[in-house]
C-alpha cells in the first residue's frame, strides 16, 4: 500500500469544500419597495418621491427623511388653503338692511 493519495481522490476532496457564503448584514440598508401612487399634485408627488431616499439609508437615517417629507406635505396643504377660491356668487335676496 502506498501513502500517496490518487489524483482523482485529491480533486474530489477539493470540490467538496463549500465556498464561503456571502455574509448577510441585517443592519445594511434594504429597499422597502413601497409603491408610491402619483397623486396628481406635483408638490405632493415630489415629496412622495423623496421617500425613495430611505431605500439607501440605514434605519437611523429614516427619521430625517420622514420629517422632511412631513414638512413638505404640510406646506403643500397650507398652500392649498392660501389659494383664492372661486368667486362667491352674488346674493339673490338683495340688501335687507
N, C-alpha and C. Protein backbone atom coordinates (compact mmCIF):
# COMPACT_ATOMS: atom_id res chain seq x y z
N UNK A 1 0.82 -1.18 0.00
CA UNK A 1 0.00 0.00 0.00
C UNK A 1 0.85 1.24 0.00
N UNK A 2 0.34 2.24 -0.63
CA UNK A 2 1.07 3.49 -0.75
C UNK A 2 0.38 4.55 0.09
N UNK A 3 1.15 5.46 0.67
CA UNK A 3 0.59 6.57 1.46
C UNK A 3 0.16 7.73 0.58
N UNK A 4 0.40 7.67 -0.68
CA UNK A 4 0.02 8.77 -1.55
C UNK A 4 -1.46 8.68 -1.92
N UNK A 5 -2.07 9.82 -2.13
CA UNK A 5 -3.48 9.89 -2.49
C UNK A 5 -3.58 9.93 -4.00
N UNK A 6 -4.40 9.09 -4.60
CA UNK A 6 -4.55 9.13 -6.05
C UNK A 6 -5.07 10.50 -6.50
N UNK A 7 -4.74 10.91 -7.73
CA UNK A 7 -5.12 12.23 -8.24
C UNK A 7 -6.62 12.44 -8.26
N UNK A 8 -7.38 11.44 -8.64
CA UNK A 8 -8.84 11.57 -8.72
C UNK A 8 -9.42 11.87 -7.35
N UNK A 9 -8.92 11.22 -6.32
CA UNK A 9 -9.43 11.44 -4.97
C UNK A 9 -9.05 12.82 -4.47
N UNK A 10 -7.88 13.32 -4.83
CA UNK A 10 -7.44 14.64 -4.39
C UNK A 10 -8.32 15.72 -5.00
N UNK A 11 -8.69 15.59 -6.27
CA UNK A 11 -9.55 16.58 -6.93
C UNK A 11 -10.95 16.60 -6.33
N UNK A 12 -11.48 15.44 -5.96
CA UNK A 12 -12.81 15.35 -5.37
C UNK A 12 -12.85 16.01 -4.01
N UNK A 13 -11.80 15.83 -3.23
CA UNK A 13 -11.76 16.42 -1.89
C UNK A 13 -11.76 17.94 -1.97
N UNK A 14 -11.11 18.53 -2.96
CA UNK A 14 -11.06 19.98 -3.10
C UNK A 14 -12.43 20.52 -3.49
N UNK A 15 -13.18 19.76 -4.28
CA UNK A 15 -14.51 20.21 -4.69
C UNK A 15 -15.53 20.11 -3.57
N UNK A 16 -15.31 19.24 -2.63
CA UNK A 16 -16.25 19.03 -1.54
C UNK A 16 -16.24 20.17 -0.53
N UNK A 17 -15.20 20.99 -0.52
CA UNK A 17 -15.13 22.10 0.43
C UNK A 17 -16.09 23.19 -0.05
N UNK A 18 -17.08 23.53 0.76
CA UNK A 18 -18.03 24.56 0.33
C UNK A 18 -17.36 25.94 0.28
N UNK A 19 -17.79 26.72 -0.67
CA UNK A 19 -17.28 28.09 -0.77
C UNK A 19 -17.88 28.92 0.36
N UNK A 20 -17.17 29.93 0.75
CA UNK A 20 -17.67 30.81 1.81
C UNK A 20 -18.90 31.55 1.29
N UNK A 21 -19.98 31.48 2.07
CA UNK A 21 -21.21 32.16 1.67
C UNK A 21 -21.07 33.66 1.93
N UNK A 22 -21.70 34.48 1.09
CA UNK A 22 -21.63 35.92 1.33
C UNK A 22 -22.31 36.23 2.67
N UNK A 23 -21.70 37.12 3.39
CA UNK A 23 -22.27 37.48 4.69
C UNK A 23 -23.46 38.40 4.50
N UNK A 24 -24.46 38.17 5.29
CA UNK A 24 -25.67 39.00 5.22
C UNK A 24 -25.64 39.94 6.41
N UNK A 25 -25.67 41.22 6.13
CA UNK A 25 -25.64 42.22 7.20
C UNK A 25 -27.06 42.73 7.40
N UNK A 26 -27.75 42.29 8.46
CA UNK A 26 -29.12 42.72 8.67
C UNK A 26 -29.25 44.22 8.94
N UNK A 27 -28.15 44.87 9.31
CA UNK A 27 -28.19 46.31 9.58
C UNK A 27 -27.97 47.12 8.31
N UNK A 28 -27.63 46.47 7.22
CA UNK A 28 -27.39 47.19 5.96
C UNK A 28 -28.71 47.69 5.40
N UNK A 29 -28.67 48.83 4.70
CA UNK A 29 -29.90 49.35 4.09
C UNK A 29 -30.50 48.35 3.11
N UNK A 30 -31.79 48.23 3.14
CA UNK A 30 -32.51 47.35 2.21
C UNK A 30 -33.71 48.12 1.67
N UNK A 31 -33.94 48.07 0.38
CA UNK A 31 -35.08 48.78 -0.19
C UNK A 31 -36.39 48.31 0.42
N UNK A 32 -37.28 49.25 0.69
CA UNK A 32 -38.59 48.91 1.24
C UNK A 32 -39.56 48.48 0.16
N UNK A 33 -39.29 48.89 -1.09
CA UNK A 33 -40.13 48.54 -2.24
C UNK A 33 -41.59 48.88 -2.00
N UNK A 34 -41.84 50.07 -1.48
CA UNK A 34 -43.20 50.54 -1.26
C UNK A 34 -43.66 51.25 -2.53
N UNK A 35 -44.82 50.84 -3.04
CA UNK A 35 -45.37 51.50 -4.22
C UNK A 35 -45.84 52.90 -3.84
N UNK A 36 -45.52 53.84 -4.69
CA UNK A 36 -45.96 55.22 -4.48
C UNK A 36 -46.82 55.61 -5.68
N UNK A 37 -48.11 55.71 -5.44
CA UNK A 37 -49.05 56.06 -6.49
C UNK A 37 -49.08 57.57 -6.66
N UNK A 38 -48.90 58.08 -7.89
CA UNK A 38 -48.94 59.53 -8.09
C UNK A 38 -50.28 60.11 -7.66
N UNK A 39 -50.22 61.27 -7.03
CA UNK A 39 -51.43 61.91 -6.53
C UNK A 39 -52.03 62.87 -7.55
N UNK A 40 -51.21 63.31 -8.51
CA UNK A 40 -51.69 64.29 -9.48
C UNK A 40 -51.25 65.70 -9.12
N UNK A 41 -50.79 65.91 -7.90
CA UNK A 41 -50.28 67.21 -7.47
C UNK A 41 -48.76 67.13 -7.49
N UNK A 42 -48.12 68.03 -8.23
CA UNK A 42 -46.67 67.97 -8.42
C UNK A 42 -45.91 68.10 -7.10
N UNK A 43 -46.35 68.98 -6.20
CA UNK A 43 -45.66 69.16 -4.92
C UNK A 43 -45.76 67.90 -4.07
N UNK A 44 -46.93 67.30 -4.01
CA UNK A 44 -47.14 66.09 -3.22
C UNK A 44 -46.34 64.94 -3.82
N UNK A 45 -46.38 64.80 -5.14
CA UNK A 45 -45.65 63.72 -5.80
C UNK A 45 -44.14 63.84 -5.58
N UNK A 46 -43.62 65.07 -5.55
CA UNK A 46 -42.19 65.27 -5.29
C UNK A 46 -41.84 64.81 -3.87
N UNK A 47 -42.71 65.10 -2.92
CA UNK A 47 -42.46 64.67 -1.54
C UNK A 47 -42.54 63.14 -1.42
N UNK A 48 -43.51 62.54 -2.06
CA UNK A 48 -43.64 61.09 -2.03
C UNK A 48 -42.43 60.42 -2.69
N UNK A 49 -41.93 61.03 -3.75
CA UNK A 49 -40.74 60.51 -4.41
C UNK A 49 -39.52 60.58 -3.51
N UNK A 50 -39.51 61.56 -2.64
CA UNK A 50 -38.39 61.72 -1.69
C UNK A 50 -38.32 60.53 -0.72
N UNK A 51 -39.43 59.85 -0.50
CA UNK A 51 -39.41 58.68 0.38
C UNK A 51 -38.49 57.58 -0.14
N UNK A 52 -38.23 57.58 -1.44
CA UNK A 52 -37.33 56.57 -2.02
C UNK A 52 -35.91 56.72 -1.48
N UNK A 53 -35.57 57.90 -0.94
CA UNK A 53 -34.24 58.10 -0.37
C UNK A 53 -33.98 57.16 0.80
N UNK A 54 -35.04 56.73 1.47
CA UNK A 54 -34.85 55.85 2.63
C UNK A 54 -34.35 54.46 2.21
N UNK A 55 -34.53 54.10 0.94
CA UNK A 55 -34.07 52.80 0.47
C UNK A 55 -32.54 52.66 0.55
N UNK A 56 -31.84 53.78 0.60
CA UNK A 56 -30.38 53.75 0.58
C UNK A 56 -29.78 54.16 1.92
N UNK A 57 -30.61 54.33 2.93
CA UNK A 57 -30.14 54.77 4.25
C UNK A 57 -30.35 53.68 5.29
N UNK A 58 -29.52 53.71 6.30
CA UNK A 58 -29.77 52.85 7.46
C UNK A 58 -30.99 53.40 8.19
N UNK A 59 -31.61 52.58 9.01
CA UNK A 59 -32.86 52.99 9.65
C UNK A 59 -32.73 54.24 10.49
N UNK A 60 -31.55 54.51 11.06
CA UNK A 60 -31.41 55.71 11.86
C UNK A 60 -31.44 56.98 11.01
N UNK A 61 -31.28 56.85 9.70
CA UNK A 61 -31.37 57.99 8.80
C UNK A 61 -32.78 58.23 8.27
N UNK A 62 -33.70 57.31 8.52
CA UNK A 62 -35.06 57.44 8.01
C UNK A 62 -35.80 58.61 8.65
N UNK A 63 -35.56 58.84 9.92
CA UNK A 63 -36.30 59.88 10.65
C UNK A 63 -36.15 61.24 9.97
N UNK A 64 -34.95 61.57 9.58
CA UNK A 64 -34.71 62.87 8.94
C UNK A 64 -35.50 62.99 7.64
N UNK A 65 -35.52 61.92 6.84
CA UNK A 65 -36.26 61.95 5.58
C UNK A 65 -37.76 62.05 5.85
N UNK A 66 -38.27 61.26 6.81
CA UNK A 66 -39.70 61.30 7.12
C UNK A 66 -40.12 62.68 7.61
N UNK A 67 -39.30 63.30 8.46
CA UNK A 67 -39.63 64.64 8.95
C UNK A 67 -39.62 65.65 7.82
N UNK A 68 -38.67 65.53 6.91
CA UNK A 68 -38.59 66.43 5.77
C UNK A 68 -39.81 66.27 4.87
N UNK A 69 -40.20 65.02 4.61
CA UNK A 69 -41.38 64.76 3.77
C UNK A 69 -42.64 65.27 4.46
N UNK A 70 -42.75 65.05 5.76
CA UNK A 70 -43.92 65.53 6.51
C UNK A 70 -44.02 67.04 6.42
N UNK A 71 -42.88 67.72 6.59
CA UNK A 71 -42.85 69.19 6.49
C UNK A 71 -43.30 69.63 5.10
N UNK A 72 -42.80 68.95 4.06
CA UNK A 72 -43.16 69.31 2.69
C UNK A 72 -44.63 69.09 2.40
N UNK A 73 -45.20 67.98 2.91
CA UNK A 73 -46.63 67.72 2.70
C UNK A 73 -47.48 68.73 3.46
N UNK A 74 -47.04 69.09 4.66
CA UNK A 74 -47.78 70.10 5.43
C UNK A 74 -47.75 71.44 4.70
N UNK A 75 -46.60 71.81 4.12
CA UNK A 75 -46.50 73.06 3.35
C UNK A 75 -47.40 73.02 2.12
N UNK A 76 -47.48 71.84 1.47
CA UNK A 76 -48.35 71.71 0.29
C UNK A 76 -49.81 71.89 0.68
N UNK A 77 -50.22 71.34 1.83
CA UNK A 77 -51.60 71.53 2.29
C UNK A 77 -51.87 72.98 2.66
N UNK A 78 -50.91 73.63 3.29
CA UNK A 78 -51.07 75.03 3.66
C UNK A 78 -51.20 75.89 2.41
N UNK A 79 -50.44 75.56 1.37
CA UNK A 79 -50.52 76.32 0.12
C UNK A 79 -51.91 76.17 -0.52
N UNK A 80 -52.53 75.01 -0.37
CA UNK A 80 -53.88 74.83 -0.90
C UNK A 80 -54.88 75.75 -0.20
N UNK A 81 -54.70 75.92 1.11
CA UNK A 81 -55.58 76.81 1.86
C UNK A 81 -55.36 78.27 1.51
N UNK A 82 -54.17 78.63 1.07
CA UNK A 82 -53.85 80.02 0.78
C UNK A 82 -54.33 80.46 -0.60
N UNK A 83 -54.63 79.52 -1.47
CA UNK A 83 -55.10 79.89 -2.82
C UNK A 83 -56.48 80.53 -2.73
N UNK A 84 -56.70 81.52 -3.55
CA UNK A 84 -58.05 82.09 -3.57
C UNK A 84 -59.03 81.09 -4.18
N UNK A 85 -60.16 80.99 -3.58
CA UNK A 85 -61.19 80.08 -4.06
C UNK A 85 -61.98 80.71 -5.20
N UNK A 86 -62.99 80.02 -5.67
CA UNK A 86 -63.82 80.58 -6.74
C UNK A 86 -64.59 81.78 -6.21
N UNK A 87 -64.95 82.68 -7.08
CA UNK A 87 -65.68 83.87 -6.61
C UNK A 87 -67.03 83.45 -6.02
N UNK A 88 -67.46 84.21 -5.03
CA UNK A 88 -68.73 83.95 -4.37
C UNK A 88 -69.84 84.43 -5.29
N UNK A 89 -70.85 83.61 -5.53
CA UNK A 89 -71.94 84.05 -6.41
C UNK A 89 -72.71 85.19 -5.72
N UNK A 90 -73.24 86.08 -6.51
CA UNK A 90 -74.00 87.19 -5.93
C UNK A 90 -75.25 86.68 -5.22
N UNK A 91 -75.64 87.39 -4.20
CA UNK A 91 -76.82 87.02 -3.43
C UNK A 91 -78.07 87.33 -4.25
N UNK A 92 -79.05 86.44 -4.23
CA UNK A 92 -80.30 86.67 -4.95
C UNK A 92 -81.36 87.33 -4.07
N UNK A 93 -81.02 87.54 -2.79
CA UNK A 93 -82.00 88.10 -1.87
C UNK A 93 -81.93 89.62 -1.75
N UNK A 94 -80.93 90.22 -2.32
CA UNK A 94 -80.81 91.68 -2.25
C UNK A 94 -80.37 92.13 -0.87
N UNK A 95 -80.31 93.43 -0.70
CA UNK A 95 -79.88 94.02 0.56
C UNK A 95 -81.05 94.13 1.51
N UNK A 96 -80.96 93.52 2.69
CA UNK A 96 -82.07 93.52 3.65
C UNK A 96 -81.75 94.38 4.87
N UNK A 97 -81.18 95.49 4.73
CA UNK A 97 -80.88 96.29 5.89
C UNK A 97 -82.05 97.12 6.31
